[in-house]
Amino acid sequence: MPRVNGRGALARLGSGAANAAELVSIVREMSFDDLRDEAQAPPQLLLVGADRAALAAFRDALGGEGAARYIDVATFDQVPRDLHPYDGIVLVNAGPADRARPEIQRLLTGAETAGRTLTFQSPPETGSSAGPAVPTEEALGDLRRRLLTRLSHRQLALGRYLPAFRGEAASSMIGATSRANAEFAFLANVPALIPLVGGLLAAGADSIVLTKNQLMLLYKLAAIHGRDLRQPARIYAEMLPVVGAGLVWRTVARELASFIPFAAGTIPKVLVAYAGTAVTGQAANFYYEQGKRPSGAQLRRFYERAAEMAGRLPFPSRDGHRDAIEADYREHPPREQPPAHPGAAPPPPASATEPGERGA
């Protein structure tokens, strides 16, 4: 991202007191009731397979500590008649004969169950048709992502009550909010095409929406990490010292970009909205996972990662495509880079998308 001189914007923000007052005002206008109810309603999943003992081990590996309270298991010939309590159902290593059972056909094709029923097949090398006691973490991670995608309305609860889902749920929330803010920033610049009045509207009307989305993201991350949701003000009092620098950085860059004409200014504003939101989410998630604020070096890595992903945004004005960006915002150890050899060809460009849902 290019370096900018933000003295004007920083001066208006002052020491942070005025900005904090604005944030408090915005928080008072926000409603958290629906999100709180959604997050605090425990999820309920059902695993259906050939062997109860193998399913129990699968359940514990999939959900983590305490998974038995939220994930039931049943054999193919003992599927519960009442399936309404279950948010999602997973058929584990169901073979052709298993799929032909009437009760399994009902799960796969029924109007009330097909949309929430997924299948899981163990890789051939990991076990028999009955399934391995503990699948590989790669296979489990893929299933968690698929469940979070299919059951998007239950992401907060899945992350809050099932520890193994927490990292995937947080990454999904950060990515979704960053993309939403980027898209809004692009659309919000359209009024600048209207002479005089349009420029005034575009100058500041979108900042409140972007800030609300960021604050809502912080609340969602607090929900995923098991925080008390009854008093949002306490959540923000805890988090603003952690993410405040990210919010200021986003504000400075956005204000400067808004004075650039439409053709040159919209794309920088979109990049800033995406990257600033992503960094805010990454900093908050780091704090919840590690119990401490990210260091300056860690924040720089967050900026670099977010700016790289933002630079790959598929702007509609470029090619007409609106492919979603799936970014992984969990912390991973840095990869070792092989030493460069003289005369070696440059590495190929990174893929424009991160791994997403691989199947139903």
Protein backbone atom coordinates (compact mmCIF):
# COMPACT_ATOMS: atom_id res chain seq x y z
CA MET A 1 0.00 0.00 0.00
CA PRO A 2 1.35 3.50 -0.75
CA ARG A 3 2.44 5.67 2.16
CA VAL A 4 0.34 8.76 2.77
CA ASN A 5 0.57 11.90 4.85
CA GLY A 6 -2.42 11.88 7.17
CA ARG A 7 -1.74 14.89 9.41
CA GLY A 8 -5.07 16.52 8.55
CA ALA A 9 -7.15 13.51 9.46
CA LEU A 10 -5.05 12.74 12.51
CA ALA A 11 -5.41 16.31 13.72
CA ARG A 12 -9.19 16.03 13.52
CA LEU A 13 -9.03 12.81 15.48
CA GLY A 14 -6.76 14.48 18.00
CA SER A 15 -5.68 12.25 20.85
CA GLY A 16 -8.52 9.82 20.18
CA ALA A 17 -11.11 11.30 22.54
CA ALA A 18 -13.30 12.74 19.80
CA ASN A 19 -13.11 9.54 17.82
CA ALA A 20 -14.04 7.51 20.91
CA ALA A 21 -17.08 9.73 21.47
CA GLU A 22 -18.18 9.15 17.89
CA LEU A 23 -17.79 5.41 18.34
CA VAL A 24 -19.86 5.45 21.52
CA SER A 25 -22.60 7.31 19.66
CA ILE A 26 -22.56 4.74 16.87
CA VAL A 27 -22.66 1.84 19.32
CA ARG A 28 -25.73 3.29 21.02
CA GLU A 29 -27.55 3.26 17.69
CA MET A 30 -26.71 -0.39 16.99
CA SER A 31 -28.92 -3.32 17.96
CA PHE A 32 -27.21 -6.46 19.18
CA ASP A 33 -30.25 -8.45 20.26
CA ASP A 34 -30.52 -10.69 17.19
CA LEU A 35 -26.79 -11.42 17.09
CA ARG A 36 -26.71 -12.16 20.80
CA ASP A 37 -29.66 -14.54 20.56
CA GLU A 38 -28.14 -16.25 17.53
CA ALA A 39 -24.74 -16.71 19.19
CA GLN A 40 -26.11 -17.94 22.51
CA ALA A 41 -28.44 -20.58 21.02
CA PRO A 42 -26.35 -23.79 21.19
CA PRO A 43 -25.83 -25.55 17.86
CA GLN A 44 -26.90 -29.13 17.31
CA LEU A 45 -25.32 -31.42 14.71
CA LEU A 46 -25.94 -35.08 13.85
CA LEU A 47 -23.34 -37.52 12.55
CA VAL A 48 -24.68 -40.63 10.84
CA GLY A 49 -22.40 -43.56 10.07
CA ALA A 50 -21.82 -47.28 10.34
CA ASP A 51 -20.16 -47.56 13.75
CA ARG A 52 -21.04 -45.60 16.89
CA ALA A 53 -17.59 -45.90 18.44
CA ALA A 54 -15.89 -44.56 15.31
CA LEU A 55 -18.50 -41.78 15.10
CA ALA A 56 -17.83 -40.78 18.71
CA ALA A 57 -14.11 -40.42 18.00
CA PHE A 58 -14.93 -38.53 14.82
CA ARG A 59 -17.21 -36.19 16.79
CA ASP A 60 -14.57 -35.37 19.39
CA ALA A 61 -11.97 -34.64 16.73
CA LEU A 62 -14.38 -32.55 14.67
CA GLY A 63 -15.78 -30.39 17.47
CA GLY A 64 -13.13 -30.39 20.16
CA GLU A 65 -13.63 -30.42 23.91
CA GLY A 66 -17.25 -30.81 24.98
CA ALA A 67 -18.44 -31.73 21.48
CA ALA A 68 -20.68 -34.52 22.80
CA ARG A 69 -23.12 -31.92 24.16
CA TYR A 70 -23.72 -30.44 20.72
CA ILE A 71 -23.06 -33.30 18.27
CA ASP A 72 -25.18 -36.46 18.36
CA VAL A 73 -24.26 -39.71 16.62
CA ALA A 74 -26.49 -42.35 15.05
CA THR A 75 -26.00 -45.42 12.88
CA PHE A 76 -27.46 -45.69 9.39
CA ASP A 77 -30.24 -47.98 10.64
CA GLN A 78 -31.13 -45.82 13.65
CA VAL A 79 -31.59 -42.32 12.23
CA PRO A 80 -33.82 -40.26 14.57
CA ARG A 81 -37.34 -39.68 13.29
CA ASP A 82 -37.43 -36.09 14.52
CA LEU A 83 -34.71 -34.16 12.71
CA HIS A 84 -35.99 -30.65 13.40
CA PRO A 85 -33.58 -30.00 16.32
CA TYR A 86 -30.51 -30.44 14.10
CA ASP A 87 -28.89 -27.47 12.37
CA GLY A 88 -26.79 -29.78 10.21
CA ILE A 89 -26.45 -33.49 9.43
CA VAL A 90 -23.32 -35.25 8.18
CA LEU A 91 -23.33 -38.69 6.53
CA VAL A 92 -19.95 -40.24 7.33
CA ASN A 93 -18.55 -42.66 4.78
CA ALA A 94 -21.91 -43.68 3.39
CA GLY A 95 -21.52 -46.32 0.67
CA PRO A 96 -23.98 -47.06 -2.15
CA ALA A 97 -25.92 -49.56 -0.03
CA ASP A 98 -26.17 -47.04 2.82
CA ARG A 99 -27.38 -44.27 0.52
CA ALA A 100 -30.06 -46.57 -0.86
CA ARG A 101 -31.73 -46.91 2.57
CA PRO A 102 -35.08 -45.09 2.71
CA GLU A 103 -34.10 -43.14 5.81
CA ILE A 104 -30.86 -41.97 4.17
CA GLN A 105 -32.68 -41.07 0.96
CA ARG A 106 -34.99 -38.95 3.08
CA LEU A 107 -32.01 -37.02 4.42
CA LEU A 108 -30.48 -36.46 0.99
CA THR A 109 -33.64 -35.53 -0.92
CA GLY A 110 -36.21 -34.38 1.65
CA ALA A 111 -37.32 -30.78 1.36
CA GLU A 112 -36.57 -30.12 5.05
CA THR A 113 -33.25 -31.95 5.28
CA ALA A 114 -31.45 -31.82 1.92
CA GLY A 115 -30.26 -28.24 2.47
CA ARG A 116 -28.62 -29.09 5.78
CA THR A 117 -27.23 -32.55 4.99
CA LEU A 118 -23.60 -32.97 3.95
CA THR A 119 -21.51 -36.02 3.18
CA PHE A 120 -18.01 -36.88 4.35
CA GLN A 121 -15.84 -39.53 2.75
CA SER A 122 -12.50 -40.46 4.29
CA PRO A 123 -9.54 -40.49 1.91
CA PRO A 124 -8.94 -44.07 0.72
CA GLU A 125 -5.61 -44.40 2.47
CA THR A 126 -6.93 -43.45 5.92
CA GLY A 127 -9.28 -46.30 6.68
CA SER A 128 -11.99 -48.71 5.71
CA SER A 129 -15.58 -47.96 4.77
CA ALA A 130 -16.42 -47.78 8.46
CA GLY A 131 -14.16 -44.75 8.65
CA PRO A 132 -11.00 -43.99 10.66
CA ALA A 133 -11.29 -43.32 14.37
CA VAL A 134 -9.61 -39.94 13.89
CA PRO A 135 -9.56 -38.46 10.34
CA THR A 136 -6.72 -36.24 9.26
CA GLU A 137 -6.84 -32.63 10.41
CA GLU A 138 -6.90 -31.52 6.79
CA ALA A 139 -10.06 -33.55 6.17
CA LEU A 140 -11.65 -32.30 9.38
CA GLY A 141 -10.80 -28.68 8.54
CA ASP A 142 -12.40 -29.06 5.14
CA LEU A 143 -15.59 -30.43 6.72
CA ARG A 144 -15.70 -27.58 9.25
CA ARG A 145 -15.44 -25.03 6.45
CA ARG A 146 -18.20 -26.75 4.52
CA LEU A 147 -20.45 -26.80 7.58
CA LEU A 148 -19.78 -23.13 8.28
CA THR A 149 -20.58 -22.26 4.68
CA ARG A 150 -23.74 -24.36 4.49
CA LEU A 151 -24.91 -23.29 7.97
CA SER A 152 -23.88 -19.64 7.63
CA HIS A 153 -26.70 -18.52 9.94
CA ARG A 154 -25.15 -20.63 12.74
CA GLN A 155 -21.52 -19.62 12.36
CA LEU A 156 -21.44 -17.64 15.61
CA ALA A 157 -22.87 -20.51 17.65
CA LEU A 158 -20.64 -23.12 16.01
CA GLY A 159 -17.55 -21.07 16.84
CA ARG A 160 -18.75 -20.20 20.35
CA TYR A 161 -19.66 -23.70 21.52
CA LEU A 162 -17.30 -25.93 19.50
CA PRO A 163 -13.65 -24.95 20.09
CA ALA A 164 -12.35 -26.68 16.96
CA PHE A 165 -14.62 -24.49 14.81
CA ARG A 166 -13.44 -21.24 16.38
CA GLY A 167 -10.54 -20.41 14.07
CA GLU A 168 -12.48 -21.19 10.89
CA ALA A 169 -15.52 -19.23 12.10
CA ALA A 170 -13.43 -16.17 12.98
CA SER A 171 -11.62 -16.27 9.63
CA SER A 172 -14.96 -16.54 7.83
CA MET A 173 -16.38 -13.53 9.69
CA ILE A 174 -13.31 -11.38 9.03
CA GLY A 175 -13.32 -12.23 5.34
CA ALA A 176 -17.06 -11.67 4.90
CA THR A 177 -17.02 -8.28 6.66
CA SER A 178 -13.94 -7.12 4.75
CA ARG A 179 -15.55 -8.02 1.44
CA ALA A 180 -18.81 -6.31 2.46
CA ASN A 181 -16.98 -3.11 3.35
CA ALA A 182 -14.99 -3.20 0.11
CA GLU A 183 -18.14 -3.61 -1.95
CA PHE A 184 -19.89 -0.84 -0.04
CA ALA A 185 -16.91 1.50 -0.51
CA PHE A 186 -17.05 0.88 -4.25
CA LEU A 187 -20.79 1.55 -4.46
CA ALA A 188 -20.64 4.53 -2.11
CA ASN A 189 -18.33 6.39 -4.47
CA VAL A 190 -20.96 6.36 -7.23
CA PRO A 191 -22.66 9.56 -5.92
CA ALA A 192 -19.41 11.42 -6.65
CA LEU A 193 -20.42 11.32 -10.30
CA ILE A 194 -23.30 13.69 -9.48
CA PRO A 195 -22.01 17.30 -9.74
CA LEU A 196 -21.73 19.36 -6.51
CA VAL A 197 -24.23 17.54 -4.27
CA GLY A 198 -22.87 14.13 -5.18
CA GLY A 199 -19.38 15.06 -4.06
CA LEU A 200 -20.70 16.16 -0.67
CA LEU A 201 -22.63 12.95 -0.20
CA ALA A 202 -19.67 10.75 -1.04
CA ALA A 203 -17.32 12.71 1.22
CA GLY A 204 -18.56 11.24 4.50
CA ALA A 205 -21.86 9.37 4.32
CA ASP A 206 -20.19 5.98 3.90
CA SER A 207 -17.81 6.21 6.86
CA ILE A 208 -20.56 5.52 9.41
CA VAL A 209 -21.62 2.34 7.61
CA LEU A 210 -18.03 1.09 7.37
CA THR A 211 -17.43 1.82 11.05
CA LYS A 212 -20.64 0.06 12.08
CA ASN A 213 -19.58 -3.00 10.13
CA GLN A 214 -16.20 -3.00 11.84
CA LEU A 215 -17.77 -2.65 15.28
CA MET A 216 -20.22 -5.42 14.50
CA LEU A 217 -17.30 -7.61 13.44
CA LEU A 218 -15.66 -7.03 16.83
CA TYR A 219 -18.89 -8.06 18.54
CA LYS A 220 -19.12 -11.22 16.42
CA LEU A 221 -15.52 -12.15 17.24
CA ALA A 222 -16.27 -11.63 20.92
CA ALA A 223 -19.24 -13.99 20.53
CA ILE A 224 -17.14 -16.63 18.80
CA HIS A 225 -14.53 -16.46 21.55
CA GLY A 226 -17.07 -16.94 24.33
CA ARG A 227 -17.19 -13.41 25.75
CA ASP A 228 -20.13 -12.09 27.77
CA LEU A 229 -22.41 -10.47 25.19
CA ARG A 230 -24.83 -8.71 27.51
CA GLN A 231 -22.82 -5.48 27.67
CA PRO A 232 -21.34 -4.50 24.28
CA ALA A 233 -19.76 -1.39 25.79
CA ARG A 234 -17.43 -3.58 27.84
CA ILE A 235 -16.40 -5.48 24.74
CA TYR A 236 -15.45 -2.27 22.94
CA ALA A 237 -13.73 -0.83 26.01
CA GLU A 238 -11.53 -3.94 26.00
CA MET A 239 -10.96 -4.01 22.26
CA LEU A 240 -10.44 -0.36 21.24
CA PRO A 241 -6.90 -0.23 22.69
CA VAL A 242 -6.15 -3.36 20.67
CA VAL A 243 -7.60 -2.30 17.30
CA GLY A 244 -7.52 1.50 17.67
CA ALA A 245 -4.40 1.88 15.51
CA GLY A 246 -6.07 -0.09 12.75
CA LEU A 247 -9.14 2.11 12.88
CA VAL A 248 -7.03 5.30 12.66
CA TRP A 249 -4.99 3.91 9.78
CA ARG A 250 -8.15 3.03 7.90
CA THR A 251 -9.69 6.46 8.53
CA VAL A 252 -6.63 8.41 7.39
CA ALA A 253 -6.21 6.43 4.17
CA ARG A 254 -9.93 6.57 3.33
CA GLU A 255 -10.18 10.34 3.75
CA LEU A 256 -7.19 10.97 1.54
CA ALA A 257 -8.45 8.58 -1.14
CA SER A 258 -11.88 10.26 -1.17
CA PHE A 259 -10.42 13.45 -2.68
CA ILE A 260 -9.11 11.60 -5.76
CA PRO A 261 -11.37 11.72 -8.86
CA PHE A 262 -13.68 8.74 -9.40
CA ALA A 263 -11.64 6.86 -11.99
CA ALA A 264 -8.49 6.95 -9.87
CA GLY A 265 -10.01 7.18 -6.41
CA THR A 266 -12.56 4.40 -6.19
CA ILE A 267 -10.11 1.51 -6.31
CA PRO A 268 -7.82 2.92 -3.58
CA LYS A 269 -10.86 3.53 -1.37
CA VAL A 270 -12.03 -0.05 -1.88
CA LEU A 271 -8.58 -1.40 -1.06
CA VAL A 272 -8.45 0.66 2.10
CA ALA A 273 -11.93 -0.40 3.22
CA TYR A 274 -11.07 -4.07 2.71
CA ALA A 275 -7.59 -4.00 4.23
CA GLY A 276 -8.52 -1.75 7.15
CA THR A 277 -11.43 -3.98 8.13
CA ALA A 278 -9.33 -7.12 7.77
CA VAL A 279 -6.56 -5.73 9.98
CA THR A 280 -9.08 -4.70 12.63
CA GLY A 281 -10.48 -8.23 12.67
CA GLN A 282 -7.07 -9.89 12.68
CA ALA A 283 -5.86 -7.76 15.60
CA ALA A 284 -8.98 -8.53 17.64
CA ASN A 285 -8.83 -12.24 16.84
CA PHE A 286 -5.14 -12.35 17.80
CA TYR A 287 -5.97 -10.75 21.14
CA TYR A 288 -8.74 -13.26 21.87
CA GLU A 289 -6.56 -16.22 20.89
CA GLN A 290 -3.29 -15.14 22.51
CA GLY A 291 -4.52 -13.01 25.40
CA LYS A 292 -2.29 -10.08 24.45
CA ARG A 293 -2.13 -7.23 21.97
CA PRO A 294 -0.29 -7.89 18.71
CA SER A 295 3.16 -6.37 18.49
CA GLY A 296 4.14 -3.78 15.94
CA ALA A 297 5.79 -6.46 13.81
CA GLN A 298 2.68 -8.62 13.94
CA LEU A 299 0.49 -5.67 12.94
CA ARG A 300 2.76 -5.04 9.98
CA ARG A 301 2.28 -8.64 8.90
CA PHE A 302 -1.50 -8.15 9.22
CA TYR A 303 -1.28 -5.07 6.99
CA GLU A 304 0.84 -6.87 4.42
CA ARG A 305 -1.51 -9.87 4.31
CA ALA A 306 -4.64 -7.73 4.09
CA ALA A 307 -3.17 -5.39 1.47
CA GLU A 308 -2.13 -8.37 -0.64
CA MET A 309 -5.63 -9.83 -0.51
CA ALA A 310 -7.21 -6.43 -1.16
CA GLY A 311 -5.06 -6.01 -4.24
CA ARG A 312 -6.67 -9.14 -5.69
CA LEU A 313 -10.22 -7.88 -5.37
CA PRO A 314 -12.08 -8.57 -8.65
CA PHE A 315 -13.51 -5.12 -9.31
CA PRO A 316 -16.66 -5.26 -11.47
CA SER A 317 -15.37 -2.35 -13.52
CA ARG A 318 -12.38 -4.37 -14.65
CA ASP A 319 -13.76 -7.63 -16.04
CA GLY A 320 -17.38 -7.88 -14.93
CA HIS A 321 -16.65 -10.75 -12.52
CA ARG A 322 -17.64 -10.65 -8.86
CA ASP A 323 -15.86 -13.71 -7.52
CA ALA A 324 -15.68 -13.77 -3.71
CA ILE A 325 -12.30 -13.66 -2.01
CA GLU A 326 -11.78 -16.40 0.56
CA ALA A 327 -8.91 -15.39 2.81
CA ASP A 328 -7.46 -17.30 5.74
CA TYR A 329 -6.92 -14.87 8.63
CA ARG A 330 -5.72 -17.39 11.17
CA GLU A 331 -2.16 -17.22 12.42
CA HIS A 332 0.23 -19.66 10.77
CA PRO A 333 3.98 -20.08 11.23
CA PRO A 334 5.88 -18.26 8.48
CA ARG A 335 6.82 -20.51 5.60
CA GLU A 336 10.50 -21.04 4.90
CA GLN A 337 11.46 -19.70 1.49
CA PRO A 338 14.04 -21.70 -0.52
CA PRO A 339 17.21 -19.78 -1.37
CA ALA A 340 17.20 -18.11 -4.76
CA HIS A 341 19.50 -19.52 -7.43
CA PRO A 342 21.21 -17.39 -10.02
CA GLY A 343 19.33 -17.45 -13.28
CA ALA A 344 16.25 -19.04 -11.75
CA ALA A 345 12.91 -18.02 -13.17
CA PRO A 346 10.76 -15.78 -10.96
CA PRO A 347 8.09 -17.59 -8.92
CA PRO A 348 4.58 -17.72 -10.40
CA PRO A 349 2.04 -15.19 -9.09
CA ALA A 350 -0.07 -16.29 -6.12
CA SER A 351 -3.55 -17.56 -6.75
CA ALA A 352 -6.28 -14.92 -6.60
CA THR A 353 -8.37 -16.99 -4.26
CA GLU A 354 -7.77 -18.94 -1.11
CA PRO A 355 -9.13 -22.45 -0.66
CA GLY A 356 -12.86 -22.32 -0.07
CA GLU A 357 -15.64 -24.86 0.12
CA ARG A 358 -14.70 -27.96 -1.84
CA GLY A 359 -18.02 -29.66 -2.10
CA ALA A 360 -21.31 -30.47 -0.50
